[in-house]
Amino acid sequence: MMNVNILPKYDEKGLIPAIVQDNNTGQVLMLAYMNAQSLEMTLQTNETHFWSRSRQELWHKGATSGNTQTVVDLSLDCDGDAILVKVVPAGPACHTGKVTCFHNPVTV
């Protein structure tokens, strides 16, 4: 799972960005934030847990929707200030019902 040679570097609010990717398709599903407690819960339960910046509370992905994410692998980037979470999703990642939260094209 996670390389213990590099420790997560949390920002001044105690958070680290977590990029969630479908392990089977490679599709990026969502970007969320973890704190030390949510990362520990993710490691303990093998399902994703995050810190909600808007609600200021821990949340277990899929606790109300049933769209949980089973963790396959966790890895930190080279600086330790972002984490990649590879998962097998049990439904859409986005609260809108879309598979991915990245479904809004940018036009320039």
PDB file of N, CA and C in Angstrom:
ATOM      1  N   MET A   1       0.831  -1.193   0.000  1.00  0.00           N
ATOM      2  CA  MET A   1       0.000   0.000   0.000  1.00  0.00           C
ATOM      3  C   MET A   1       0.871   1.250   0.000  1.00  0.00           C
ATOM      4  N   MET A   2       0.933   1.994   1.099  1.00  0.00           N
ATOM      5  CA  MET A   2       1.622   3.277   1.104  1.00  0.00           C
ATOM      6  C   MET A   2       3.080   3.104   1.510  1.00  0.00           C
ATOM      7  N   ASN A   3       3.957   3.830   0.814  1.00  0.00           N
ATOM      8  CA  ASN A   3       5.380   3.836   1.125  1.00  0.00           C
ATOM      9  C   ASN A   3       5.590   4.600   2.426  1.00  0.00           C
ATOM     10  N   VAL A   4       6.127   3.921   3.437  1.00  0.00           N
ATOM     11  CA  VAL A   4       6.334   4.581   4.720  1.00  0.00           C
ATOM     12  C   VAL A   4       7.613   5.413   4.751  1.00  0.00           C
ATOM     13  N   ASN A   5       8.405   5.392   3.674  1.00  0.00           N
ATOM     14  CA  ASN A   5       9.605   6.212   3.613  1.00  0.00           C
ATOM     15  C   ASN A   5       9.269   7.682   3.410  1.00  0.00           C
ATOM     16  N   ILE A   6       8.128   7.972   2.820  1.00  0.00           N
ATOM     17  CA  ILE A   6       7.654   9.339   2.639  1.00  0.00           C
ATOM     18  C   ILE A   6       6.368   9.473   3.430  1.00  0.00           C
ATOM     19  N   LEU A   7       6.317  10.458   4.307  1.00  0.00           N
ATOM     20  CA  LEU A   7       5.118  10.682   5.103  1.00  0.00           C
ATOM     21  C   LEU A   7       4.255  11.748   4.448  1.00  0.00           C
ATOM     22  N   PRO A   8       2.942  11.656   4.631  1.00  0.00           N
ATOM     23  CA  PRO A   8       2.072  12.681   4.057  1.00  0.00           C
ATOM     24  C   PRO A   8       2.416  14.058   4.619  1.00  0.00           C
ATOM     25  N   LYS A   9       2.424  15.052   3.732  1.00  0.00           N
ATOM     26  CA  LYS A   9       2.651  16.440   4.143  1.00  0.00           C
ATOM     27  C   LYS A   9       1.310  17.157   4.056  1.00  0.00           C
ATOM     28  N   TYR A  10       0.725  17.390   5.206  1.00  0.00           N
ATOM     29  CA  TYR A  10      -0.568  18.058   5.276  1.00  0.00           C
ATOM     30  C   TYR A  10      -0.368  19.570   5.180  1.00  0.00           C
ATOM     31  N   ASP A  11      -1.364  20.270   4.633  1.00  0.00           N
ATOM     32  CA  ASP A  11      -1.270  21.727   4.536  1.00  0.00           C
ATOM     33  C   ASP A  11      -1.532  22.360   5.903  1.00  0.00           C
ATOM     34  N   GLU A  12      -1.589  23.684   5.945  1.00  0.00           N
ATOM     35  CA  GLU A  12      -1.769  24.407   7.212  1.00  0.00           C
ATOM     36  C   GLU A  12      -3.101  24.104   7.886  1.00  0.00           C
ATOM     37  N   LYS A  13      -4.063  23.548   7.139  1.00  0.00           N
ATOM     38  CA  LYS A  13      -5.350  23.156   7.718  1.00  0.00           C
ATOM     39  C   LYS A  13      -5.374  21.673   8.087  1.00  0.00           C
ATOM     40  N   GLY A  14      -4.236  20.999   7.904  1.00  0.00           N
ATOM     41  CA  GLY A  14      -4.150  19.581   8.234  1.00  0.00           C
ATOM     42  C   GLY A  14      -4.726  18.676   7.169  1.00  0.00           C
ATOM     43  N   LEU A  15      -4.778  19.165   5.917  1.00  0.00           N
ATOM     44  CA  LEU A  15      -5.387  18.399   4.823  1.00  0.00           C
ATOM     45  C   LEU A  15      -4.377  18.075   3.736  1.00  0.00           C
ATOM     46  N   ILE A  16      -4.664  17.005   3.017  1.00  0.00           N
ATOM     47  CA  ILE A  16      -3.884  16.607   1.847  1.00  0.00           C
ATOM     48  C   ILE A  16      -4.869  16.273   0.728  1.00  0.00           C
ATOM     49  N   PRO A  17      -4.637  16.774  -0.509  1.00  0.00           N
ATOM     50  CA  PRO A  17      -5.526  16.418  -1.614  1.00  0.00           C
ATOM     51  C   PRO A  17      -5.432  14.929  -1.926  1.00  0.00           C
ATOM     52  N   ALA A  18      -6.585  14.320  -2.176  1.00  0.00           N
ATOM     53  CA  ALA A  18      -6.656  12.901  -2.509  1.00  0.00           C
ATOM     54  C   ALA A  18      -7.329  12.759  -3.872  1.00  0.00           C
ATOM     55  N   ILE A  19      -6.576  12.281  -4.839  1.00  0.00           N
ATOM     56  CA  ILE A  19      -7.098  12.037  -6.180  1.00  0.00           C
ATOM     57  C   ILE A  19      -7.562  10.587  -6.206  1.00  0.00           C
ATOM     58  N   VAL A  20      -8.835  10.380  -6.517  1.00  0.00           N
ATOM     59  CA  VAL A  20      -9.406   9.037  -6.516  1.00  0.00           C
ATOM     60  C   VAL A  20      -9.549   8.570  -7.960  1.00  0.00           C
ATOM     61  N   GLN A  21      -8.980   7.397  -8.237  1.00  0.00           N
ATOM     62  CA  GLN A  21      -8.925   6.848  -9.593  1.00  0.00           C
ATOM     63  C   GLN A  21      -9.505   5.443  -9.593  1.00  0.00           C
ATOM     64  N   ASP A  22     -10.297   5.135 -10.621  1.00  0.00           N
ATOM     65  CA  ASP A  22     -10.830   3.788 -10.793  1.00  0.00           C
ATOM     66  C   ASP A  22      -9.673   2.858 -11.148  1.00  0.00           C
ATOM     67  N   ASN A  23      -9.439   1.863 -10.330  1.00  0.00           N
ATOM     68  CA  ASN A  23      -8.323   0.948 -10.548  1.00  0.00           C
ATOM     69  C   ASN A  23      -8.454   0.164 -11.846  1.00  0.00           C
ATOM     70  N   ASN A  24      -9.682  -0.125 -12.269  1.00  0.00           N
ATOM     71  CA  ASN A  24      -9.897  -0.953 -13.460  1.00  0.00           C
ATOM     72  C   ASN A  24      -9.830  -0.159 -14.758  1.00  0.00           C
ATOM     73  N   THR A  25     -10.335   1.071 -14.751  1.00  0.00           N
ATOM     74  CA  THR A  25     -10.401   1.846 -16.002  1.00  0.00           C
ATOM     75  C   THR A  25      -9.339   2.932 -16.094  1.00  0.00           C
ATOM     76  N   GLY A  26      -8.783   3.332 -14.948  1.00  0.00           N
ATOM     77  CA  GLY A  26      -7.820   4.427 -14.928  1.00  0.00           C
ATOM     78  C   GLY A  26      -8.476   5.799 -14.900  1.00  0.00           C
ATOM     79  N   GLN A  27      -9.800   5.861 -14.967  1.00  0.00           N
ATOM     80  CA  GLN A  27     -10.510   7.135 -14.975  1.00  0.00           C
ATOM     81  C   GLN A  27     -10.393   7.825 -13.617  1.00  0.00           C
ATOM     82  N   VAL A  28     -10.101   9.125 -13.634  1.00  0.00           N
ATOM     83  CA  VAL A  28     -10.097   9.909 -12.408  1.00  0.00           C
ATOM     84  C   VAL A  28     -11.549  10.138 -12.013  1.00  0.00           C
ATOM     85  N   LEU A  29     -11.890   9.756 -10.792  1.00  0.00           N
ATOM     86  CA  LEU A  29     -13.274   9.826 -10.332  1.00  0.00           C
ATOM     87  C   LEU A  29     -13.578  11.105  -9.565  1.00  0.00           C
ATOM     88  N   MET A  30     -12.648  11.525  -8.728  1.00  0.00           N
ATOM     89  CA  MET A  30     -12.918  12.685  -7.885  1.00  0.00           C
ATOM     90  C   MET A  30     -11.657  13.193  -7.229  1.00  0.00           C
ATOM     91  N   LEU A  31     -11.743  14.401  -6.730  1.00  0.00           N
ATOM     92  CA  LEU A  31     -10.717  14.992  -5.890  1.00  0.00           C
ATOM     93  C   LEU A  31     -11.388  15.326  -4.579  1.00  0.00           C
ATOM     94  N   ALA A  32     -10.804  14.860  -3.489  1.00  0.00           N
ATOM     95  CA  ALA A  32     -11.334  15.152  -2.159  1.00  0.00           C
ATOM     96  C   ALA A  32     -10.128  15.453  -1.267  1.00  0.00           C
ATOM     97  N   TYR A  33     -10.383  15.657  -0.002  1.00  0.00           N
ATOM     98  CA  TYR A  33      -9.298  15.956   0.932  1.00  0.00           C
ATOM     99  C   TYR A  33      -9.340  14.989   2.093  1.00  0.00           C
ATOM    100  N   MET A  34      -8.153  14.619   2.549  1.00  0.00           N
ATOM    101  CA  MET A  34      -8.024  13.753   3.710  1.00  0.00           C
ATOM    102  C   MET A  34      -7.250  14.495   4.791  1.00  0.00           C
ATOM    103  N   ASN A  35      -7.577  14.177   6.039  1.00  0.00           N
ATOM    104  CA  ASN A  35      -6.729  14.582   7.141  1.00  0.00           C
ATOM    105  C   ASN A  35      -6.144  13.303   7.723  1.00  0.00           C
ATOM    106  N   ALA A  36      -5.366  13.413   8.768  1.00  0.00           N
ATOM    107  CA  ALA A  36      -4.710  12.224   9.322  1.00  0.00           C
ATOM    108  C   ALA A  36      -5.728  11.175   9.761  1.00  0.00           C
ATOM    109  N   GLN A  37      -6.836  11.627  10.352  1.00  0.00           N
ATOM    110  CA  GLN A  37      -7.847  10.683  10.832  1.00  0.00           C
ATOM    111  C   GLN A  37      -8.549   9.964   9.684  1.00  0.00           C
ATOM    112  N   SER A  38      -8.915  10.687   8.635  1.00  0.00           N
ATOM    113  CA  SER A  38      -9.605  10.032   7.519  1.00  0.00           C
ATOM    114  C   SER A  38      -8.664   9.083   6.779  1.00  0.00           C
ATOM    115  N   LEU A  39      -7.383   9.442   6.695  1.00  0.00           N
ATOM    116  CA  LEU A  39      -6.418   8.539   6.069  1.00  0.00           C
ATOM    117  C   LEU A  39      -6.281   7.269   6.893  1.00  0.00           C
ATOM    118  N   GLU A  40      -6.203   7.416   8.212  1.00  0.00           N
ATOM    119  CA  GLU A  40      -6.106   6.248   9.088  1.00  0.00           C
ATOM    120  C   GLU A  40      -7.357   5.374   8.963  1.00  0.00           C
ATOM    121  N   MET A  41      -8.539   5.989   8.909  1.00  0.00           N
ATOM    122  CA  MET A  41      -9.780   5.220   8.762  1.00  0.00           C
ATOM    123  C   MET A  41      -9.811   4.494   7.419  1.00  0.00           C
ATOM    124  N   THR A  42      -9.316   5.156   6.373  1.00  0.00           N
ATOM    125  CA  THR A  42      -9.246   4.533   5.051  1.00  0.00           C
ATOM    126  C   THR A  42      -8.349   3.310   5.101  1.00  0.00           C
ATOM    127  N   LEU A  43      -7.201   3.439   5.753  1.00  0.00           N
ATOM    128  CA  LEU A  43      -6.275   2.313   5.862  1.00  0.00           C
ATOM    129  C   LEU A  43      -6.867   1.175   6.694  1.00  0.00           C
ATOM    130  N   GLN A  44      -7.601   1.507   7.735  1.00  0.00           N
ATOM    131  CA  GLN A  44      -8.185   0.491   8.616  1.00  0.00           C
ATOM    132  C   GLN A  44      -9.362  -0.245   7.983  1.00  0.00           C
ATOM    133  N   THR A  45     -10.194   0.472   7.232  1.00  0.00           N
ATOM    134  CA  THR A  45     -11.434  -0.121   6.723  1.00  0.00           C
ATOM    135  C   THR A  45     -11.344  -0.588   5.282  1.00  0.00           C
ATOM    136  N   ASN A  46     -10.311  -0.131   4.567  1.00  0.00           N
ATOM    137  CA  ASN A  46     -10.144  -0.444   3.152  1.00  0.00           C
ATOM    138  C   ASN A  46     -11.249   0.171   2.290  1.00  0.00           C
ATOM    139  N   GLU A  47     -11.907   1.210   2.812  1.00  0.00           N
ATOM    140  CA  GLU A  47     -12.867   2.016   2.059  1.00  0.00           C
ATOM    141  C   GLU A  47     -12.498   3.477   2.281  1.00  0.00           C
ATOM    142  N   THR A  48     -12.849   4.336   1.308  1.00  0.00           N
ATOM    143  CA  THR A  48     -12.431   5.729   1.394  1.00  0.00           C
ATOM    144  C   THR A  48     -13.213   6.526   2.443  1.00  0.00           C
ATOM    145  N   HIS A  49     -12.451   7.340   3.159  1.00  0.00           N
ATOM    146  CA  HIS A  49     -12.966   8.305   4.127  1.00  0.00           C
ATOM    147  C   HIS A  49     -12.268   9.623   3.826  1.00  0.00           C
ATOM    148  N   PHE A  50     -12.988  10.712   3.945  1.00  0.00           N
ATOM    149  CA  PHE A  50     -12.441  12.018   3.618  1.00  0.00           C
ATOM    150  C   PHE A  50     -12.831  13.034   4.682  1.00  0.00           C
ATOM    151  N   TRP A  51     -12.254  14.237   4.553  1.00  0.00           N
ATOM    152  CA  TRP A  51     -12.640  15.372   5.380  1.00  0.00           C
ATOM    153  C   TRP A  51     -13.441  16.323   4.507  1.00  0.00           C
ATOM    154  N   SER A  52     -14.653  16.627   4.923  1.00  0.00           N
ATOM    155  CA  SER A  52     -15.493  17.569   4.192  1.00  0.00           C
ATOM    156  C   SER A  52     -15.119  18.982   4.611  1.00  0.00           C
ATOM    157  N   ARG A  53     -14.610  19.752   3.668  1.00  0.00           N
ATOM    158  CA  ARG A  53     -14.238  21.128   3.967  1.00  0.00           C
ATOM    159  C   ARG A  53     -15.475  21.989   4.167  1.00  0.00           C
ATOM    160  N   SER A  54     -16.566  21.686   3.491  1.00  0.00           N
ATOM    161  CA  SER A  54     -17.775  22.497   3.634  1.00  0.00           C
ATOM    162  C   SER A  54     -18.518  22.189   4.937  1.00  0.00           C
ATOM    163  N   ARG A  55     -18.589  20.926   5.308  1.00  0.00           N
ATOM    164  CA  ARG A  55     -19.309  20.535   6.526  1.00  0.00           C
ATOM    165  C   ARG A  55     -18.403  20.466   7.752  1.00  0.00           C
ATOM    166  N   GLN A  56     -17.077  20.512   7.508  1.00  0.00           N
ATOM    167  CA  GLN A  56     -16.102  20.426   8.607  1.00  0.00           C
ATOM    168  C   GLN A  56     -16.296  19.153   9.433  1.00  0.00           C
ATOM    169  N   GLU A  57     -16.395  18.008   8.694  1.00  0.00           N
ATOM    170  CA  GLU A  57     -16.553  16.726   9.379  1.00  0.00           C
ATOM    171  C   GLU A  57     -16.023  15.595   8.506  1.00  0.00           C
ATOM    172  N   LEU A  58     -15.735  14.478   9.151  1.00  0.00           N
ATOM    173  CA  LEU A  58     -15.324  13.283   8.428  1.00  0.00           C
ATOM    174  C   LEU A  58     -16.522  12.726   7.676  1.00  0.00           C
ATOM    175  N   TRP A  59     -16.257  12.118   6.517  1.00  0.00           N
ATOM    176  CA  TRP A  59     -17.325  11.411   5.813  1.00  0.00           C
ATOM    177  C   TRP A  59     -16.781  10.155   5.154  1.00  0.00           C
ATOM    178  N   HIS A  60     -17.589   9.133   5.223  1.00  0.00           N
ATOM    179  CA  HIS A  60     -17.296   7.843   4.614  1.00  0.00           C
ATOM    180  C   HIS A  60     -17.990   7.835   3.261  1.00  0.00           C
ATOM    181  N   LYS A  61     -17.219   7.775   2.177  1.00  0.00           N
ATOM    182  CA  LYS A  61     -17.790   7.803   0.827  1.00  0.00           C
ATOM    183  C   LYS A  61     -18.767   6.645   0.667  1.00  0.00           C
ATOM    184  N   GLY A  62     -20.008   6.978   0.346  1.00  0.00           N
ATOM    185  CA  GLY A  62     -21.035   5.968   0.124  1.00  0.00           C
ATOM    186  C   GLY A  62     -21.847   5.611   1.345  1.00  0.00           C
ATOM    187  N   ALA A  63     -21.589   6.258   2.472  1.00  0.00           N
ATOM    188  CA  ALA A  63     -22.324   5.920   3.702  1.00  0.00           C
ATOM    189  C   ALA A  63     -23.826   6.104   3.529  1.00  0.00           C
ATOM    190  N   THR A  64     -24.241   7.134   2.803  1.00  0.00           N
ATOM    191  CA  THR A  64     -25.680   7.334   2.594  1.00  0.00           C
ATOM    192  C   THR A  64     -26.141   6.841   1.227  1.00  0.00           C
ATOM    193  N   SER A  65     -25.276   6.954   0.214  1.00  0.00           N
ATOM    194  CA  SER A  65     -25.673   6.575  -1.156  1.00  0.00           C
ATOM    195  C   SER A  65     -25.462   5.100  -1.461  1.00  0.00           C
ATOM    196  N   GLY A  66     -24.574   4.455  -0.718  1.00  0.00           N
ATOM    197  CA  GLY A  66     -24.205   3.072  -1.031  1.00  0.00           C
ATOM    198  C   GLY A  66     -23.101   2.977  -2.063  1.00  0.00           C
ATOM    199  N   ASN A  67     -22.671   4.117  -2.593  1.00  0.00           N
ATOM    200  CA  ASN A  67     -21.621   4.146  -3.624  1.00  0.00           C
ATOM    201  C   ASN A  67     -20.240   4.201  -2.976  1.00  0.00           C
ATOM    202  N   THR A  68     -19.903   3.133  -2.285  1.00  0.00           N
ATOM    203  CA  THR A  68     -18.621   3.060  -1.596  1.00  0.00           C
ATOM    204  C   THR A  68     -17.485   2.857  -2.582  1.00  0.00           C
ATOM    205  N   GLN A  69     -16.273   3.014  -2.072  1.00  0.00           N
ATOM    206  CA  GLN A  69     -15.070   2.812  -2.882  1.00  0.00           C
ATOM    207  C   GLN A  69     -14.121   1.905  -2.102  1.00  0.00           C
ATOM    208  N   THR A  70     -13.863   0.715  -2.640  1.00  0.00           N
ATOM    209  CA  THR A  70     -12.925  -0.210  -2.010  1.00  0.00           C
ATOM    210  C   THR A  70     -11.512   0.145  -2.457  1.00  0.00           C
ATOM    211  N   VAL A  71     -10.641   0.364  -1.504  1.00  0.00           N
ATOM    212  CA  VAL A  71      -9.275   0.798  -1.793  1.00  0.00           C
ATOM    213  C   VAL A  71      -8.423  -0.381  -2.248  1.00  0.00           C
ATOM    214  N   VAL A  72      -7.744  -0.183  -3.372  1.00  0.00           N
ATOM    215  CA  VAL A  72      -6.821  -1.166  -3.924  1.00  0.00           C
ATOM    216  C   VAL A  72      -5.381  -0.762  -3.619  1.00  0.00           C
ATOM    217  N   ASP A  73      -5.103   0.548  -3.715  1.00  0.00           N
ATOM    218  CA  ASP A  73      -3.733   1.026  -3.516  1.00  0.00           C
ATOM    219  C   ASP A  73      -3.755   2.503  -3.142  1.00  0.00           C
ATOM    220  N   LEU A  74      -2.800   2.884  -2.328  1.00  0.00           N
ATOM    221  CA  LEU A  74      -2.583   4.283  -1.962  1.00  0.00           C
ATOM    222  C   LEU A  74      -1.131   4.617  -2.243  1.00  0.00           C
ATOM    223  N   SER A  75      -0.883   5.775  -2.839  1.00  0.00           N
ATOM    224  CA  SER A  75       0.499   6.199  -3.045  1.00  0.00           C
ATOM    225  C   SER A  75       0.591   7.711  -2.970  1.00  0.00           C
ATOM    226  N   LEU A  76       1.676   8.173  -2.377  1.00  0.00           N
ATOM    227  CA  LEU A  76       1.948   9.600  -2.283  1.00  0.00           C
ATOM    228  C   LEU A  76       2.731  10.040  -3.501  1.00  0.00           C
ATOM    229  N   ASP A  77       2.563  11.305  -3.879  1.00  0.00           N
ATOM    230  CA  ASP A  77       3.398  11.833  -4.959  1.00  0.00           C
ATOM    231  C   ASP A  77       4.817  12.037  -4.428  1.00  0.00           C
ATOM    232  N   CYS A  78       5.728  12.445  -5.314  1.00  0.00           N
ATOM    233  CA  CYS A  78       7.151  12.522  -4.959  1.00  0.00           C
ATOM    234  C   CYS A  78       7.433  13.490  -3.819  1.00  0.00           C
ATOM    235  N   ASP A  79       6.590  14.505  -3.632  1.00  0.00           N
ATOM    236  CA  ASP A  79       6.781  15.467  -2.554  1.00  0.00           C
ATOM    237  C   ASP A  79       6.010  15.097  -1.291  1.00  0.00           C
ATOM    238  N   GLY A  80       5.123  14.121  -1.382  1.00  0.00           N
ATOM    239  CA  GLY A  80       4.331  13.707  -0.236  1.00  0.00           C
ATOM    240  C   GLY A  80       3.170  14.627   0.082  1.00  0.00           C
ATOM    241  N   ASP A  81       2.853  15.554  -0.865  1.00  0.00           N
ATOM    242  CA  ASP A  81       1.783  16.512  -0.566  1.00  0.00           C
ATOM    243  C   ASP A  81       0.497  16.264  -1.345  1.00  0.00           C
ATOM    244  N   ALA A  82       0.370  15.102  -1.938  1.00  0.00           N
ATOM    245  CA  ALA A  82      -0.871  14.659  -2.581  1.00  0.00           C
ATOM    246  C   ALA A  82      -0.874  13.136  -2.553  1.00  0.00           C
ATOM    247  N   ILE A  83      -2.066  12.579  -2.487  1.00  0.00           N
ATOM    248  CA  ILE A  83      -2.189  11.116  -2.422  1.00  0.00           C
ATOM    249  C   ILE A  83      -3.098  10.623  -3.545  1.00  0.00           C
ATOM    250  N   LEU A  84      -2.684   9.548  -4.184  1.00  0.00           N
ATOM    251  CA  LEU A  84      -3.480   8.886  -5.213  1.00  0.00           C
ATOM    252  C   LEU A  84      -4.127   7.668  -4.581  1.00  0.00           C
ATOM    253  N   VAL A  85      -5.441   7.594  -4.692  1.00  0.00           N
ATOM    254  CA  VAL A  85      -6.195   6.493  -4.103  1.00  0.00           C
ATOM    255  C   VAL A  85      -6.818   5.708  -5.251  1.00  0.00           C
ATOM    256  N   LYS A  86      -6.337   4.503  -5.481  1.00  0.00           N
ATOM    257  CA  LYS A  86      -6.914   3.643  -6.520  1.00  0.00           C
ATOM    258  C   LYS A  86      -7.986   2.783  -5.871  1.00  0.00           C
ATOM    259  N   VAL A  87      -9.177   2.787  -6.496  1.00  0.00           N
ATOM    260  CA  VAL A  87     -10.333   2.127  -5.890  1.00  0.00           C
ATOM    261  C   VAL A  87     -11.090   1.273  -6.896  1.00  0.00           C
ATOM    262  N   VAL A  88     -11.918   0.409  -6.355  1.00  0.00           N
ATOM    263  CA  VAL A  88     -12.958  -0.267  -7.132  1.00  0.00           C
ATOM    264  C   VAL A  88     -14.270   0.323  -6.625  1.00  0.00           C
ATOM    265  N   PRO A  89     -14.917   1.151  -7.455  1.00  0.00           N
ATOM    266  CA  PRO A  89     -16.135   1.823  -7.006  1.00  0.00           C
ATOM    267  C   PRO A  89     -17.359   0.908  -7.064  1.00  0.00           C
ATOM    268  N   ALA A  90     -18.262   1.123  -6.114  1.00  0.00           N
ATOM    269  CA  ALA A  90     -19.536   0.389  -6.105  1.00  0.00           C
ATOM    270  C   ALA A  90     -20.653   1.337  -6.524  1.00  0.00           C
ATOM    271  N   GLY A  91     -20.417   2.072  -7.594  1.00  0.00           N
ATOM    272  CA  GLY A  91     -21.399   3.034  -8.079  1.00  0.00           C
ATOM    273  C   GLY A  91     -20.708   4.324  -8.457  1.00  0.00           C
ATOM    274  N   PRO A  92     -21.483   5.318  -8.881  1.00  0.00           N
ATOM    275  CA  PRO A  92     -20.901   6.575  -9.322  1.00  0.00           C
ATOM    276  C   PRO A  92     -20.187   7.308  -8.185  1.00  0.00           C
ATOM    277  N   ALA A  93     -19.158   8.064  -8.541  1.00  0.00           N
ATOM    278  CA  ALA A  93     -18.408   8.837  -7.556  1.00  0.00           C
ATOM    279  C   ALA A  93     -19.076  10.172  -7.259  1.00  0.00           C
ATOM    280  N   CYS A  94     -19.726  10.751  -8.256  1.00  0.00           N
ATOM    281  CA  CYS A  94     -20.263  12.105  -8.128  1.00  0.00           C
ATOM    282  C   CYS A  94     -21.650  12.107  -7.492  1.00  0.00           C
ATOM    283  N   HIS A  95     -21.902  13.109  -6.657  1.00  0.00           N
ATOM    284  CA  HIS A  95     -23.218  13.241  -6.024  1.00  0.00           C
ATOM    285  C   HIS A  95     -24.322  13.513  -7.040  1.00  0.00           C
ATOM    286  N   THR A  96     -23.946  13.882  -8.287  1.00  0.00           N
ATOM    287  CA  THR A  96     -24.938  14.116  -9.343  1.00  0.00           C
ATOM    288  C   THR A  96     -25.398  12.818  -9.993  1.00  0.00           C
ATOM    289  N   GLY A  97     -24.720  11.712  -9.662  1.00  0.00           N
ATOM    290  CA  GLY A  97     -25.035  10.432 -10.284  1.00  0.00           C
ATOM    291  C   GLY A  97     -24.116  10.091 -11.439  1.00  0.00           C
ATOM    292  N   LYS A  98     -23.234  11.014 -11.807  1.00  0.00           N
ATOM    293  CA  LYS A  98     -22.252  10.753 -12.871  1.00  0.00           C
ATOM    294  C   LYS A  98     -21.157   9.846 -12.329  1.00  0.00           C
ATOM    295  N   VAL A  99     -20.565   9.065 -13.215  1.00  0.00           N
ATOM    296  CA  VAL A  99     -19.486   8.150 -12.827  1.00  0.00           C
ATOM    297  C   VAL A  99     -18.327   8.913 -12.212  1.00  0.00           C
ATOM    298  N   THR A 100     -17.980  10.039 -12.817  1.00  0.00           N
ATOM    299  CA  THR A 100     -16.869  10.856 -12.358  1.00  0.00           C
ATOM    300  C   THR A 100     -17.359  12.262 -12.026  1.00  0.00           C
ATOM    301  N   CYS A 101     -16.682  12.915 -11.116  1.00  0.00           N
ATOM    302  CA  CYS A 101     -16.999  14.316 -10.816  1.00  0.00           C
ATOM    303  C   CYS A 101     -16.496  15.242 -11.921  1.00  0.00           C
ATOM    304  N   PHE A 102     -15.607  14.745 -12.765  1.00  0.00           N
ATOM    305  CA  PHE A 102     -15.029  15.545 -13.845  1.00  0.00           C
ATOM    306  C   PHE A 102     -15.827  15.339 -15.131  1.00  0.00           C
ATOM    307  N   HIS A 103     -17.022  15.927 -15.173  1.00  0.00           N
ATOM    308  CA  HIS A 103     -17.891  15.769 -16.339  1.00  0.00           C
ATOM    309  C   HIS A 103     -18.307  17.107 -16.952  1.00  0.00           C
ATOM    310  N   ASN A 104     -17.680  18.176 -16.525  1.00  0.00           N
ATOM    311  CA  ASN A 104     -18.000  19.505 -17.044  1.00  0.00           C
ATOM    312  C   ASN A 104     -16.877  19.983 -17.962  1.00  0.00           C
ATOM    313  N   PRO A 105     -17.073  19.954 -19.281  1.00  0.00           N
ATOM    314  CA  PRO A 105     -16.009  20.381 -20.191  1.00  0.00           C
ATOM    315  C   PRO A 105     -15.709  21.869 -20.038  1.00  0.00           C
ATOM    316  N   VAL A 106     -14.453  22.191 -20.220  1.00  0.00           N
ATOM    317  CA  VAL A 106     -14.029  23.592 -20.191  1.00  0.00           C
ATOM    318  C   VAL A 106     -13.883  24.063 -21.629  1.00  0.00           C
ATOM    319  N   THR A 107     -14.525  25.174 -21.940  1.00  0.00           N
ATOM    320  CA  THR A 107     -14.400  25.734 -23.274  1.00  0.00           C
ATOM    321  C   THR A 107     -13.553  26.998 -23.179  1.00  0.00           C
ATOM    322  N   VAL A 108     -12.653  27.120 -24.146  1.00  0.00           N
ATOM    323  CA  VAL A 108     -11.765  28.299 -24.158  1.00  0.00           C
ATOM    324  C   VAL A 108     -11.935  29.098 -25.422  1.00  0.00           C
TER     325      VAL A 108
END
